[in-house]
Amino acid sequence: MSLSFPNRSRSYDASARRIRFTGHDGMFEVPFLVEADVFPGASTEAGYLAAFDAGRDAIQKVATKAYGYARRRLYILTANDFR
């Protein structure tokens, strides 16, 4: 199966400064976290979520690439993944 993103929900974890979203590989849920540093112009929860929404297509491409490298229980995407 391949990774898909049918659920557009996302949430911000202020204590970890990360945005959480999920992908799906068939019936399996695949959790992803994006570090807030990926969004340098944002500084609030609303700003981070808006930046995530604006860059959703690029974020999902990076997530798909990370998922293709190795199967893990959790994927954390950092600014380095977007270079």
PDB file of N, CA and C in Angstrom:
ATOM      1  N   MET A   1       0.840  -1.178   0.000  1.00  0.00           N
ATOM      2  CA  MET A   1       0.000   0.000   0.000  1.00  0.00           C
ATOM      3  C   MET A   1       0.887   1.245   0.000  1.00  0.00           C
ATOM      4  N   SER A   2       0.296   2.362  -0.275  1.00  0.00           N
ATOM      5  CA  SER A   2       1.049   3.610  -0.242  1.00  0.00           C
ATOM      6  C   SER A   2       0.453   4.547   0.801  1.00  0.00           C
ATOM      7  N   LEU A   3       1.220   5.504   1.179  1.00  0.00           N
ATOM      8  CA  LEU A   3       0.817   6.454   2.200  1.00  0.00           C
ATOM      9  C   LEU A   3      -0.169   7.458   1.615  1.00  0.00           C
ATOM     10  N   SER A   4      -1.226   7.727   2.367  1.00  0.00           N
ATOM     11  CA  SER A   4      -2.206   8.739   1.970  1.00  0.00           C
ATOM     12  C   SER A   4      -2.546   9.595   3.190  1.00  0.00           C
ATOM     13  N   PHE A   5      -3.188  10.717   2.939  1.00  0.00           N
ATOM     14  CA  PHE A   5      -3.537  11.657   4.000  1.00  0.00           C
ATOM     15  C   PHE A   5      -5.015  12.047   3.891  1.00  0.00           C
ATOM     16  N   PRO A   6      -5.916  11.095   4.163  1.00  0.00           N
ATOM     17  CA  PRO A   6      -7.337  11.386   4.009  1.00  0.00           C
ATOM     18  C   PRO A   6      -7.900  12.289   5.108  1.00  0.00           C
ATOM     19  N   ASN A   7      -7.242  12.337   6.255  1.00  0.00           N
ATOM     20  CA  ASN A   7      -7.720  13.144   7.372  1.00  0.00           C
ATOM     21  C   ASN A   7      -6.911  14.433   7.433  1.00  0.00           C
ATOM     22  N   ARG A   8      -7.559  15.568   7.255  1.00  0.00           N
ATOM     23  CA  ARG A   8      -6.850  16.845   7.208  1.00  0.00           C
ATOM     24  C   ARG A   8      -6.620  17.460   8.592  1.00  0.00           C
ATOM     25  N   SER A   9      -6.992  16.756   9.645  1.00  0.00           N
ATOM     26  CA  SER A   9      -6.828  17.324  10.978  1.00  0.00           C
ATOM     27  C   SER A   9      -5.355  17.394  11.355  1.00  0.00           C
ATOM     28  N   ARG A  10      -5.045  18.354  12.179  1.00  0.00           N
ATOM     29  CA  ARG A  10      -3.709  18.540  12.713  1.00  0.00           C
ATOM     30  C   ARG A  10      -3.866  19.262  14.035  1.00  0.00           C
ATOM     31  N   SER A  11      -2.880  19.163  14.899  1.00  0.00           N
ATOM     32  CA  SER A  11      -2.948  19.841  16.182  1.00  0.00           C
ATOM     33  C   SER A  11      -1.555  20.306  16.571  1.00  0.00           C
ATOM     34  N   TYR A  12      -1.521  21.331  17.403  1.00  0.00           N
ATOM     35  CA  TYR A  12      -0.252  21.892  17.853  1.00  0.00           C
ATOM     36  C   TYR A  12      -0.006  21.490  19.298  1.00  0.00           C
ATOM     37  N   ASP A  13       1.176  20.960  19.577  1.00  0.00           N
ATOM     38  CA  ASP A  13       1.594  20.604  20.927  1.00  0.00           C
ATOM     39  C   ASP A  13       2.555  21.688  21.399  1.00  0.00           C
ATOM     40  N   ALA A  14       2.059  22.590  22.241  1.00  0.00           N
ATOM     41  CA  ALA A  14       2.860  23.736  22.683  1.00  0.00           C
ATOM     42  C   ALA A  14       4.073  23.312  23.512  1.00  0.00           C
ATOM     43  N   SER A  15       3.937  22.285  24.327  1.00  0.00           N
ATOM     44  CA  SER A  15       5.050  21.878  25.185  1.00  0.00           C
ATOM     45  C   SER A  15       6.218  21.313  24.371  1.00  0.00           C
ATOM     46  N   ALA A  16       5.933  20.639  23.288  1.00  0.00           N
ATOM     47  CA  ALA A  16       6.983  20.071  22.433  1.00  0.00           C
ATOM     48  C   ALA A  16       7.297  20.960  21.235  1.00  0.00           C
ATOM     49  N   ARG A  17       6.456  21.985  21.001  1.00  0.00           N
ATOM     50  CA  ARG A  17       6.576  22.881  19.852  1.00  0.00           C
ATOM     51  C   ARG A  17       6.579  22.107  18.540  1.00  0.00           C
ATOM     52  N   ARG A  18       5.554  21.264  18.394  1.00  0.00           N
ATOM     53  CA  ARG A  18       5.413  20.439  17.194  1.00  0.00           C
ATOM     54  C   ARG A  18       3.961  20.378  16.762  1.00  0.00           C
ATOM     55  N   ILE A  19       3.771  20.181  15.472  1.00  0.00           N
ATOM     56  CA  ILE A  19       2.435  19.959  14.925  1.00  0.00           C
ATOM     57  C   ILE A  19       2.302  18.481  14.612  1.00  0.00           C
ATOM     58  N   ARG A  20       1.214  17.915  15.071  1.00  0.00           N
ATOM     59  CA  ARG A  20       0.945  16.487  14.867  1.00  0.00           C
ATOM     60  C   ARG A  20      -0.084  16.333  13.747  1.00  0.00           C
ATOM     61  N   PHE A  21       0.173  15.367  12.861  1.00  0.00           N
ATOM     62  CA  PHE A  21      -0.802  14.983  11.836  1.00  0.00           C
ATOM     63  C   PHE A  21      -0.594  13.518  11.529  1.00  0.00           C
ATOM     64  N   THR A  22      -1.518  12.921  10.843  1.00  0.00           N
ATOM     65  CA  THR A  22      -1.410  11.491  10.558  1.00  0.00           C
ATOM     66  C   THR A  22      -1.584  11.204   9.074  1.00  0.00           C
ATOM     67  N   GLY A  23      -0.935  10.133   8.680  1.00  0.00           N
ATOM     68  CA  GLY A  23      -1.121   9.552   7.359  1.00  0.00           C
ATOM     69  C   GLY A  23      -1.676   8.156   7.551  1.00  0.00           C
ATOM     70  N   HIS A  24      -2.033   7.521   6.462  1.00  0.00           N
ATOM     71  CA  HIS A  24      -2.545   6.152   6.532  1.00  0.00           C
ATOM     72  C   HIS A  24      -1.916   5.308   5.434  1.00  0.00           C
ATOM     73  N   ASP A  25      -1.520   4.125   5.815  1.00  0.00           N
ATOM     74  CA  ASP A  25      -1.027   3.120   4.876  1.00  0.00           C
ATOM     75  C   ASP A  25      -1.982   1.949   5.007  1.00  0.00           C
ATOM     76  N   GLY A  26      -2.962   1.921   4.115  1.00  0.00           N
ATOM     77  CA  GLY A  26      -4.026   0.930   4.255  1.00  0.00           C
ATOM     78  C   GLY A  26      -4.792   1.206   5.537  1.00  0.00           C
ATOM     79  N   MET A  27      -4.896   0.216   6.384  1.00  0.00           N
ATOM     80  CA  MET A  27      -5.630   0.399   7.632  1.00  0.00           C
ATOM     81  C   MET A  27      -4.738   0.894   8.774  1.00  0.00           C
ATOM     82  N   PHE A  28      -3.448   1.078   8.509  1.00  0.00           N
ATOM     83  CA  PHE A  28      -2.512   1.501   9.548  1.00  0.00           C
ATOM     84  C   PHE A  28      -2.378   3.013   9.594  1.00  0.00           C
ATOM     85  N   GLU A  29      -2.494   3.560  10.797  1.00  0.00           N
ATOM     86  CA  GLU A  29      -2.292   4.986  11.007  1.00  0.00           C
ATOM     87  C   GLU A  29      -0.799   5.242  11.206  1.00  0.00           C
ATOM     88  N   VAL A  30      -0.283   6.277  10.557  1.00  0.00           N
ATOM     89  CA  VAL A  30       1.137   6.608  10.618  1.00  0.00           C
ATOM     90  C   VAL A  30       1.258   8.026  11.190  1.00  0.00           C
ATOM     91  N   PRO A  31       1.751   8.159  12.433  1.00  0.00           N
ATOM     92  CA  PRO A  31       1.843   9.485  13.058  1.00  0.00           C
ATOM     93  C   PRO A  31       3.084  10.262  12.628  1.00  0.00           C
ATOM     94  N   PHE A  32       2.889  11.554  12.420  1.00  0.00           N
ATOM     95  CA  PHE A  32       3.967  12.460  12.054  1.00  0.00           C
ATOM     96  C   PHE A  32       3.937  13.665  12.976  1.00  0.00           C
ATOM     97  N   LEU A  33       5.119  14.215  13.234  1.00  0.00           N
ATOM     98  CA  LEU A  33       5.276  15.469  13.957  1.00  0.00           C
ATOM     99  C   LEU A  33       6.152  16.376  13.115  1.00  0.00           C
ATOM    100  N   VAL A  34       5.792  17.653  13.046  1.00  0.00           N
ATOM    101  CA  VAL A  34       6.618  18.646  12.351  1.00  0.00           C
ATOM    102  C   VAL A  34       7.064  19.654  13.398  1.00  0.00           C
ATOM    103  N   GLU A  35       8.361  19.831  13.525  1.00  0.00           N
ATOM    104  CA  GLU A  35       8.874  20.790  14.490  1.00  0.00           C
ATOM    105  C   GLU A  35       8.502  22.208  14.083  1.00  0.00           C
ATOM    106  N   ALA A  36       8.189  23.037  15.065  1.00  0.00           N
ATOM    107  CA  ALA A  36       7.751  24.406  14.818  1.00  0.00           C
ATOM    108  C   ALA A  36       8.821  25.223  14.091  1.00  0.00           C
ATOM    109  N   ASP A  37      10.092  24.866  14.230  1.00  0.00           N
ATOM    110  CA  ASP A  37      11.173  25.597  13.561  1.00  0.00           C
ATOM    111  C   ASP A  37      11.056  25.546  12.040  1.00  0.00           C
ATOM    112  N   VAL A  38      10.263  24.628  11.528  1.00  0.00           N
ATOM    113  CA  VAL A  38      10.035  24.537  10.085  1.00  0.00           C
ATOM    114  C   VAL A  38       9.292  25.779   9.587  1.00  0.00           C
ATOM    115  N   PHE A  39       8.599  26.466  10.495  1.00  0.00           N
ATOM    116  CA  PHE A  39       7.769  27.629  10.151  1.00  0.00           C
ATOM    117  C   PHE A  39       8.353  28.882  10.802  1.00  0.00           C
ATOM    118  N   PRO A  40       9.432  29.438  10.256  1.00  0.00           N
ATOM    119  CA  PRO A  40      10.121  30.543  10.919  1.00  0.00           C
ATOM    120  C   PRO A  40       9.296  31.824  11.053  1.00  0.00           C
ATOM    121  N   GLY A  41       8.309  32.018  10.226  1.00  0.00           N
ATOM    122  CA  GLY A  41       7.505  33.234  10.301  1.00  0.00           C
ATOM    123  C   GLY A  41       6.382  33.166  11.315  1.00  0.00           C
ATOM    124  N   ALA A  42       6.186  32.026  11.930  1.00  0.00           N
ATOM    125  CA  ALA A  42       5.091  31.834  12.885  1.00  0.00           C
ATOM    126  C   ALA A  42       5.627  31.872  14.310  1.00  0.00           C
ATOM    127  N   SER A  43       4.758  32.322  15.234  1.00  0.00           N
ATOM    128  CA  SER A  43       5.190  32.369  16.634  1.00  0.00           C
ATOM    129  C   SER A  43       4.063  32.031  17.611  1.00  0.00           C
ATOM    130  N   THR A  44       2.882  31.762  17.078  1.00  0.00           N
ATOM    131  CA  THR A  44       1.734  31.414  17.915  1.00  0.00           C
ATOM    132  C   THR A  44       1.116  30.119  17.390  1.00  0.00           C
ATOM    133  N   GLU A  45       0.276  29.514  18.194  1.00  0.00           N
ATOM    134  CA  GLU A  45      -0.395  28.289  17.747  1.00  0.00           C
ATOM    135  C   GLU A  45      -1.151  28.527  16.449  1.00  0.00           C
ATOM    136  N   ALA A  46      -1.912  29.607  16.398  1.00  0.00           N
ATOM    137  CA  ALA A  46      -2.674  29.911  15.181  1.00  0.00           C
ATOM    138  C   ALA A  46      -1.740  30.112  13.987  1.00  0.00           C
ATOM    139  N   GLY A  47      -0.614  30.768  14.220  1.00  0.00           N
ATOM    140  CA  GLY A  47       0.354  30.985  13.150  1.00  0.00           C
ATOM    141  C   GLY A  47       0.977  29.698  12.646  1.00  0.00           C
ATOM    142  N   TYR A  48       1.334  28.813  13.573  1.00  0.00           N
ATOM    143  CA  TYR A  48       1.905  27.527  13.178  1.00  0.00           C
ATOM    144  C   TYR A  48       0.902  26.700  12.384  1.00  0.00           C
ATOM    145  N   LEU A  49      -0.330  26.670  12.844  1.00  0.00           N
ATOM    146  CA  LEU A  49      -1.348  25.875  12.142  1.00  0.00           C
ATOM    147  C   LEU A  49      -1.654  26.471  10.768  1.00  0.00           C
ATOM    148  N   ALA A  50      -1.693  27.797  10.678  1.00  0.00           N
ATOM    149  CA  ALA A  50      -1.928  28.443   9.380  1.00  0.00           C
ATOM    150  C   ALA A  50      -0.771  28.155   8.423  1.00  0.00           C
ATOM    151  N   ALA A  51       0.456  28.206   8.938  1.00  0.00           N
ATOM    152  CA  ALA A  51       1.619  27.913   8.095  1.00  0.00           C
ATOM    153  C   ALA A  51       1.611  26.455   7.656  1.00  0.00           C
ATOM    154  N   PHE A  52       1.215  25.561   8.556  1.00  0.00           N
ATOM    155  CA  PHE A  52       1.105  24.151   8.195  1.00  0.00           C
ATOM    156  C   PHE A  52       0.082  23.982   7.076  1.00  0.00           C
ATOM    157  N   ASP A  53      -1.076  24.606   7.235  1.00  0.00           N
ATOM    158  CA  ASP A  53      -2.127  24.486   6.220  1.00  0.00           C
ATOM    159  C   ASP A  53      -1.661  25.030   4.874  1.00  0.00           C
ATOM    160  N   ALA A  54      -0.943  26.140   4.897  1.00  0.00           N
ATOM    161  CA  ALA A  54      -0.463  26.742   3.648  1.00  0.00           C
ATOM    162  C   ALA A  54       0.572  25.851   2.958  1.00  0.00           C
ATOM    163  N   GLY A  55       1.350  25.123   3.743  1.00  0.00           N
ATOM    164  CA  GLY A  55       2.390  24.274   3.180  1.00  0.00           C
ATOM    165  C   GLY A  55       2.061  22.797   3.189  1.00  0.00           C
ATOM    166  N   ARG A  56       0.791  22.472   3.355  1.00  0.00           N
ATOM    167  CA  ARG A  56       0.375  21.073   3.519  1.00  0.00           C
ATOM    168  C   ARG A  56       0.879  20.164   2.401  1.00  0.00           C
ATOM    169  N   ASP A  57       0.784  20.569   1.158  1.00  0.00           N
ATOM    170  CA  ASP A  57       1.216  19.703   0.048  1.00  0.00           C
ATOM    171  C   ASP A  57       2.704  19.372   0.154  1.00  0.00           C
ATOM    172  N   ALA A  58       3.526  20.389   0.423  1.00  0.00           N
ATOM    173  CA  ALA A  58       4.970  20.160   0.554  1.00  0.00           C
ATOM    174  C   ALA A  58       5.269  19.296   1.773  1.00  0.00           C
ATOM    175  N   ILE A  59       4.563  19.527   2.859  1.00  0.00           N
ATOM    176  CA  ILE A  59       4.773  18.747   4.082  1.00  0.00           C
ATOM    177  C   ILE A  59       4.427  17.285   3.831  1.00  0.00           C
ATOM    178  N   GLN A  60       3.339  17.041   3.150  1.00  0.00           N
ATOM    179  CA  GLN A  60       2.938  15.663   2.867  1.00  0.00           C
ATOM    180  C   GLN A  60       3.926  14.977   1.935  1.00  0.00           C
ATOM    181  N   LYS A  61       4.517  15.708   1.011  1.00  0.00           N
ATOM    182  CA  LYS A  61       5.546  15.119   0.145  1.00  0.00           C
ATOM    183  C   LYS A  61       6.771  14.724   0.951  1.00  0.00           C
ATOM    184  N   VAL A  62       7.184  15.582   1.871  1.00  0.00           N
ATOM    185  CA  VAL A  62       8.331  15.267   2.732  1.00  0.00           C
ATOM    186  C   VAL A  62       8.002  14.084   3.628  1.00  0.00           C
ATOM    187  N   ALA A  63       6.789  14.045   4.155  1.00  0.00           N
ATOM    188  CA  ALA A  63       6.362  12.929   5.001  1.00  0.00           C
ATOM    189  C   ALA A  63       6.364  11.622   4.216  1.00  0.00           C
ATOM    190  N   THR A  64       5.882  11.655   3.004  1.00  0.00           N
ATOM    191  CA  THR A  64       5.857  10.451   2.161  1.00  0.00           C
ATOM    192  C   THR A  64       7.276   9.970   1.883  1.00  0.00           C
ATOM    193  N   LYS A  65       8.178  10.912   1.623  1.00  0.00           N
ATOM    194  CA  LYS A  65       9.585  10.555   1.381  1.00  0.00           C
ATOM    195  C   LYS A  65      10.193   9.921   2.631  1.00  0.00           C
ATOM    196  N   ALA A  66       9.963  10.518   3.794  1.00  0.00           N
ATOM    197  CA  ALA A  66      10.486   9.967   5.057  1.00  0.00           C
ATOM    198  C   ALA A  66       9.918   8.582   5.320  1.00  0.00           C
ATOM    199  N   TYR A  67       8.657   8.391   5.026  1.00  0.00           N
ATOM    200  CA  TYR A  67       8.012   7.098   5.238  1.00  0.00           C
ATOM    201  C   TYR A  67       8.601   6.030   4.320  1.00  0.00           C
ATOM    202  N   GLY A  68       8.996   6.428   3.134  1.00  0.00           N
ATOM    203  CA  GLY A  68       9.564   5.487   2.174  1.00  0.00           C
ATOM    204  C   GLY A  68      10.947   4.983   2.545  1.00  0.00           C
ATOM    205  N   TYR A  69      11.666   5.750   3.378  1.00  0.00           N
ATOM    206  CA  TYR A  69      13.020   5.335   3.776  1.00  0.00           C
ATOM    207  C   TYR A  69      12.999   4.159   4.730  1.00  0.00           C
ATOM    208  N   ALA A  70      12.144   4.204   5.719  1.00  0.00           N
ATOM    209  CA  ALA A  70      12.113   3.146   6.742  1.00  0.00           C
ATOM    210  C   ALA A  70      10.790   3.220   7.495  1.00  0.00           C
ATOM    211  N   ARG A  71      10.339   2.101   7.961  1.00  0.00           N
ATOM    212  CA  ARG A  71       9.101   2.060   8.734  1.00  0.00           C
ATOM    213  C   ARG A  71       9.422   2.290  10.202  1.00  0.00           C
ATOM    214  N   ARG A  72       8.765   3.277  10.782  1.00  0.00           N
ATOM    215  CA  ARG A  72       8.951   3.615  12.193  1.00  0.00           C
ATOM    216  C   ARG A  72       7.593   3.738  12.865  1.00  0.00           C
ATOM    217  N   ARG A  73       7.621   3.851  14.171  1.00  0.00           N
ATOM    218  CA  ARG A  73       6.367   4.049  14.916  1.00  0.00           C
ATOM    219  C   ARG A  73       5.939   5.506  14.884  1.00  0.00           C
ATOM    220  N   LEU A  74       6.903   6.430  14.686  1.00  0.00           N
ATOM    221  CA  LEU A  74       6.644   7.863  14.708  1.00  0.00           C
ATOM    222  C   LEU A  74       7.684   8.553  13.838  1.00  0.00           C
ATOM    223  N   TYR A  75       7.250   9.533  13.078  1.00  0.00           N
ATOM    224  CA  TYR A  75       8.153  10.296  12.213  1.00  0.00           C
ATOM    225  C   TYR A  75       8.182  11.740  12.696  1.00  0.00           C
ATOM    226  N   ILE A  76       9.371  12.256  12.937  1.00  0.00           N
ATOM    227  CA  ILE A  76       9.535  13.656  13.329  1.00  0.00           C
ATOM    228  C   ILE A  76      10.241  14.367  12.188  1.00  0.00           C
ATOM    229  N   LEU A  77       9.555  15.329  11.596  1.00  0.00           N
ATOM    230  CA  LEU A  77      10.104  16.087  10.478  1.00  0.00           C
ATOM    231  C   LEU A  77      10.716  17.379  11.005  1.00  0.00           C
ATOM    232  N   THR A  78      11.958  17.632  10.614  1.00  0.00           N
ATOM    233  CA  THR A  78      12.665  18.835  11.054  1.00  0.00           C
ATOM    234  C   THR A  78      12.946  19.725   9.847  1.00  0.00           C
ATOM    235  N   ALA A  79      13.492  20.892  10.116  1.00  0.00           N
ATOM    236  CA  ALA A  79      13.822  21.822   9.018  1.00  0.00           C
ATOM    237  C   ALA A  79      14.769  21.175   8.016  1.00  0.00           C
ATOM    238  N   ASN A  80      15.656  20.300   8.465  1.00  0.00           N
ATOM    239  CA  ASN A  80      16.588  19.618   7.550  1.00  0.00           C
ATOM    240  C   ASN A  80      15.876  18.769   6.522  1.00  0.00           C
ATOM    241  N   ASP A  81      14.716  18.224   6.875  1.00  0.00           N
ATOM    242  CA  ASP A  81      13.958  17.390   5.936  1.00  0.00           C
ATOM    243  C   ASP A  81      13.384  18.213   4.777  1.00  0.00           C
ATOM    244  N   PHE A  82      13.305  19.522   4.942  1.00  0.00           N
ATOM    245  CA  PHE A  82      12.684  20.379   3.933  1.00  0.00           C
ATOM    246  C   PHE A  82      13.718  21.087   3.065  1.00  0.00           C
ATOM    247  N   ARG A  83      14.963  20.705   3.191  1.00  0.00           N
ATOM    248  CA  ARG A  83      16.037  21.339   2.384  1.00  0.00           C
ATOM    249  C   ARG A  83      16.328  20.530   1.172  1.00  0.00           C
TER     250      ARG A  83
END
